[in-house]
Amino acid sequence: MFQAIGFDADDTLWHNERLFSLIQGRFREILNAHHPEVVDQTLYATERRNLQYFGYGVKGFVLSMLETAVELTQGEVTGAEIQQIMDFGKEMLDAPLELLPHAGEVIRRLSPSHRLILITKGDLFDQETKIARSGLADHFQAIEIVSEKDASTYRSLLQRHQVDPENFVMVGNSLRSDILPVLEIGGSAIYVPHELTWAHEHDQAPTSKRYSELEHLGQLPDWLQAHSAA
């Protein structure tokens, strides 16, 4: 039924957001003179504002933490605190990668019989490093690292790989990035929720017949078999 299956990477195949959440908790400790909600709200607003300049990923997150620290301390953040925030970023980039349950098993099971495309957004260097460390790279027929996941990106990507959107299904944990844009261009999408998802990726669940939701990635092979039979 499907010419290709697209997979998101962060928080679909491996853990990612919980590292951001951990570091954000430590960032709050640096700014402990301010209420945690104020720190979180200011950081989130700064991150969103900076997406057009720095994109997604660790480096943009670090720059947004630095800007937030300057703003909330009215420029009195210390050199030592700036160094600590910079070290947060290095720690995140060096952190070990942990696959989500079922991820390795499902990718290895599907790759001999399906055309798999990894589609992820974020910093090129960081994403390339994580993909290499995952041990899954060889199971994908194509790997795409993009700056944004919207309808035009998916349309262009599928055209380049000669895949009809109606015969494409995307699997991911972000309604905003993995689900809604694919449905918009006529594809199918499978939402696999993660326990932690950045607020920027939240959206309303669609009612499309091309939309499905699974409890975990381990259910995907049976879903594909059922829909192929249909």
Protein backbone atom coordinates (compact mmCIF):
# COMPACT_ATOMS: atom_id res chain seq x y z
CA MET A 1 0.00 0.00 0.00
CA PHE A 2 2.81 2.43 0.85
CA GLN A 3 5.75 3.31 -1.39
CA ALA A 4 7.71 4.61 1.60
CA ILE A 5 7.52 4.97 5.37
CA GLY A 6 8.93 8.11 6.95
CA PHE A 7 10.27 8.11 10.49
CA ASP A 8 10.93 11.03 12.76
CA ALA A 9 14.07 10.62 14.88
CA ASP A 10 14.07 12.59 18.17
CA ASP A 11 11.56 11.13 20.67
CA THR A 12 10.27 8.71 18.04
CA LEU A 13 13.32 6.47 17.68
CA TRP A 14 15.43 7.74 20.57
CA HIS A 15 15.07 9.88 23.67
CA ASN A 16 15.76 13.57 23.23
CA GLU A 17 13.37 15.91 25.04
CA ARG A 18 14.09 14.53 28.50
CA LEU A 19 17.68 15.75 28.14
CA PHE A 20 16.40 19.24 27.32
CA SER A 21 14.05 19.02 30.30
CA LEU A 22 16.88 17.98 32.63
CA ILE A 23 19.11 20.84 31.50
CA GLN A 24 16.26 23.31 31.74
CA GLY A 25 15.81 22.29 35.37
CA ARG A 26 19.46 23.06 36.03
CA PHE A 27 19.10 26.36 34.18
CA ARG A 28 16.33 27.31 36.60
CA GLU A 29 18.77 26.79 39.46
CA ILE A 30 21.12 29.40 37.98
CA LEU A 31 18.23 31.87 37.91
CA ASN A 32 16.82 30.84 41.29
CA ALA A 33 16.07 34.47 42.18
CA HIS A 34 13.16 34.19 39.71
CA HIS A 35 10.09 31.97 39.93
CA PRO A 36 10.56 28.76 37.87
CA GLU A 37 7.47 29.54 35.79
CA VAL A 38 8.89 32.92 34.86
CA VAL A 39 12.15 31.30 33.76
CA ASP A 40 10.32 28.66 31.72
CA GLN A 41 7.96 31.14 30.07
CA THR A 42 10.74 33.56 29.23
CA LEU A 43 12.96 30.81 27.83
CA TYR A 44 10.13 29.39 25.72
CA ALA A 45 9.29 32.81 24.30
CA THR A 46 12.97 33.38 23.52
CA GLU A 47 13.32 29.99 21.83
CA ARG A 48 10.30 30.62 19.62
CA ARG A 49 11.56 34.07 18.70
CA ASN A 50 14.99 32.68 17.86
CA LEU A 51 13.85 29.78 15.67
CA GLN A 52 14.11 31.97 12.58
CA TYR A 53 17.75 32.74 13.43
CA PHE A 54 19.16 29.58 15.03
CA GLY A 55 16.70 26.83 14.06
CA TYR A 56 16.08 23.76 16.20
CA GLY A 57 18.52 21.85 18.36
CA VAL A 58 21.04 22.14 21.17
CA LYS A 59 22.93 25.16 19.86
CA GLY A 60 19.80 27.26 19.49
CA PHE A 61 18.68 26.12 22.94
CA VAL A 62 21.98 27.22 24.51
CA LEU A 63 21.87 30.61 22.80
CA SER A 64 18.31 31.09 23.99
CA MET A 65 19.31 30.19 27.56
CA LEU A 66 22.10 32.77 27.40
CA GLU A 67 19.74 35.44 26.09
CA THR A 68 17.16 34.57 28.75
CA ALA A 69 19.78 34.79 31.49
CA VAL A 70 20.85 38.24 30.28
CA GLU A 71 17.23 39.40 30.13
CA LEU A 72 16.13 38.13 33.54
CA THR A 73 19.26 39.35 35.35
CA GLN A 74 19.15 42.68 33.49
CA GLY A 75 22.62 42.03 32.18
CA GLU A 76 24.14 41.00 35.51
CA VAL A 77 24.63 37.32 34.70
CA THR A 78 28.20 36.43 35.65
CA GLY A 79 30.96 35.05 33.48
CA ALA A 80 30.92 31.86 35.55
CA GLU A 81 27.19 31.42 34.94
CA ILE A 82 27.64 32.00 31.21
CA GLN A 83 30.36 29.33 31.20
CA GLN A 84 28.03 26.97 33.06
CA ILE A 85 25.33 27.44 30.43
CA MET A 86 27.87 26.84 27.66
CA ASP A 87 28.94 23.66 29.43
CA PHE A 88 25.30 22.54 29.48
CA GLY A 89 25.38 22.56 25.70
CA LYS A 90 28.58 20.52 25.48
CA GLU A 91 27.14 18.04 27.96
CA MET A 92 24.01 17.65 25.82
CA LEU A 93 26.00 17.11 22.63
CA ASP A 94 28.17 14.49 24.35
CA ALA A 95 25.27 12.70 26.07
CA PRO A 96 24.83 8.99 25.27
CA LEU A 97 21.99 8.13 22.90
CA GLU A 98 19.27 5.77 24.13
CA LEU A 99 16.86 4.15 21.70
CA LEU A 100 13.21 4.09 22.66
CA PRO A 101 11.61 0.69 23.34
CA HIS A 102 10.89 -1.29 20.16
CA ALA A 103 12.69 1.23 17.91
CA GLY A 104 15.67 -0.88 16.87
CA GLU A 105 13.61 -4.04 16.57
CA VAL A 106 10.94 -2.40 14.38
CA ILE A 107 13.37 -0.62 12.04
CA ARG A 108 15.42 -3.79 11.52
CA ARG A 109 12.26 -5.82 10.94
CA LEU A 110 10.78 -3.44 8.38
CA SER A 111 13.87 -2.44 6.41
CA PRO A 112 14.18 -5.61 4.28
CA SER A 113 10.62 -5.26 2.95
CA HIS A 114 9.86 -1.53 3.11
CA ARG A 115 11.45 1.66 1.85
CA LEU A 116 12.31 3.62 4.99
CA ILE A 117 13.17 7.32 5.03
CA LEU A 118 14.45 9.06 8.15
CA ILE A 119 13.20 12.66 8.27
CA THR A 120 14.47 14.80 11.11
CA LYS A 121 14.98 18.49 11.77
CA GLY A 122 17.61 20.32 13.77
CA ASP A 123 21.29 21.13 13.76
CA LEU A 124 23.07 19.20 11.00
CA PHE A 125 26.12 18.20 13.05
CA ASP A 126 24.09 17.11 16.08
CA GLN A 127 21.60 15.10 14.03
CA GLU A 128 24.31 13.41 11.96
CA THR A 129 26.10 12.42 15.16
CA LYS A 130 22.96 10.96 16.75
CA ILE A 131 22.02 9.07 13.62
CA ALA A 132 25.49 7.53 13.43
CA ARG A 133 25.42 6.55 17.11
CA SER A 134 21.95 5.02 16.82
CA GLY A 135 23.24 2.08 14.80
CA LEU A 136 20.16 2.35 12.56
CA ALA A 137 21.48 4.45 9.67
CA ASP A 138 22.11 1.51 7.33
CA HIS A 139 18.46 0.44 7.56
CA PHE A 140 17.19 3.62 5.89
CA GLN A 141 17.15 4.03 2.12
CA ALA A 142 17.39 7.80 2.62
CA ILE A 143 18.14 10.21 5.47
CA GLU A 144 16.86 13.79 5.33
CA ILE A 145 17.90 16.46 7.84
CA VAL A 146 15.74 19.53 7.29
CA SER A 147 15.44 22.95 8.90
CA GLU A 148 11.65 22.76 9.17
CA LYS A 149 8.94 20.17 8.70
CA ASP A 150 6.05 21.79 6.91
CA ALA A 151 3.88 20.88 3.93
CA SER A 152 6.25 22.40 1.38
CA THR A 153 9.22 20.52 2.85
CA TYR A 154 7.41 17.17 2.70
CA ARG A 155 6.07 17.87 -0.78
CA SER A 156 9.54 18.69 -2.10
CA LEU A 157 11.16 15.77 -0.30
CA LEU A 158 8.69 13.21 -1.64
CA GLN A 159 8.94 14.62 -5.15
CA ARG A 160 12.72 14.26 -5.00
CA HIS A 161 12.39 10.63 -3.92
CA GLN A 162 9.62 9.96 -6.46
CA VAL A 163 7.08 9.00 -3.82
CA ASP A 164 3.39 9.78 -4.31
CA PRO A 165 2.07 11.50 -1.14
CA GLU A 166 -1.00 9.24 -1.22
CA ASN A 167 1.33 6.27 -0.92
CA PHE A 168 3.41 7.70 1.92
CA VAL A 169 3.00 7.31 5.68
CA MET A 170 4.89 9.31 8.30
CA VAL A 171 5.54 8.07 11.84
CA GLY A 172 6.34 10.54 14.61
CA ASN A 173 5.63 12.04 18.01
CA SER A 174 4.92 15.63 16.95
CA LEU A 175 1.45 16.55 15.74
CA ARG A 176 2.75 19.86 14.44
CA SER A 177 5.78 18.53 12.54
CA ASP A 178 5.15 14.87 11.75
CA ILE A 179 1.39 14.58 11.38
CA LEU A 180 -0.48 17.68 10.21
CA PRO A 181 1.83 18.69 7.31
CA VAL A 182 1.77 15.15 5.89
CA LEU A 183 -2.02 14.99 6.05
CA GLU A 184 -2.15 18.40 4.38
CA ILE A 185 -0.36 17.09 1.27
CA GLY A 186 -2.52 13.94 1.11
CA GLY A 187 -0.31 11.46 2.93
CA SER A 188 -1.03 9.23 5.92
CA ALA A 189 0.38 9.80 9.39
CA ILE A 190 0.82 7.73 12.54
CA TYR A 191 1.15 9.52 15.85
CA VAL A 192 3.22 7.74 18.51
CA PRO A 193 3.10 9.95 21.65
CA HIS A 194 6.17 10.44 23.76
CA GLU A 195 6.04 11.10 27.50
CA LEU A 196 7.73 14.46 26.91
CA THR A 197 7.10 16.67 23.89
CA TRP A 198 8.19 20.29 23.57
CA ALA A 199 5.24 22.67 23.80
CA HIS A 200 6.05 24.09 20.36
CA GLU A 201 5.20 20.71 18.81
CA HIS A 202 1.73 20.44 20.35
CA ASP A 203 -1.42 20.85 18.28
CA GLN A 204 -4.97 19.56 17.94
CA ALA A 205 -5.32 15.92 16.93
CA PRO A 206 -6.83 15.67 13.43
CA THR A 207 -9.97 13.77 12.49
CA SER A 208 -8.70 12.60 9.11
CA LYS A 209 -9.22 8.99 8.06
CA ARG A 210 -5.54 8.98 7.13
CA TYR A 211 -4.57 9.61 10.76
CA SER A 212 -3.85 6.86 13.29
CA GLU A 213 -2.43 6.76 16.80
CA LEU A 214 -0.41 3.94 18.35
CA GLU A 215 0.53 3.47 21.99
CA HIS A 216 4.09 2.56 21.09
CA LEU A 217 6.27 1.84 18.07
CA GLY A 218 6.08 -1.91 18.61
CA GLN A 219 2.52 -1.84 17.23
CA LEU A 220 3.62 -0.46 13.87
CA PRO A 221 4.31 -3.74 11.99
CA ASP A 222 0.82 -5.06 12.78
CA TRP A 223 -0.70 -1.72 11.72
CA LEU A 224 1.14 -1.86 8.41
CA GLN A 225 0.09 -5.45 7.83
CA ALA A 226 -3.56 -4.64 8.55
CA HIS A 227 -3.58 -1.62 6.23
CA SER A 228 -1.75 -3.46 3.47
CA ALA A 229 -4.38 -6.19 3.62
CA ALA A 230 -7.12 -3.57 3.48
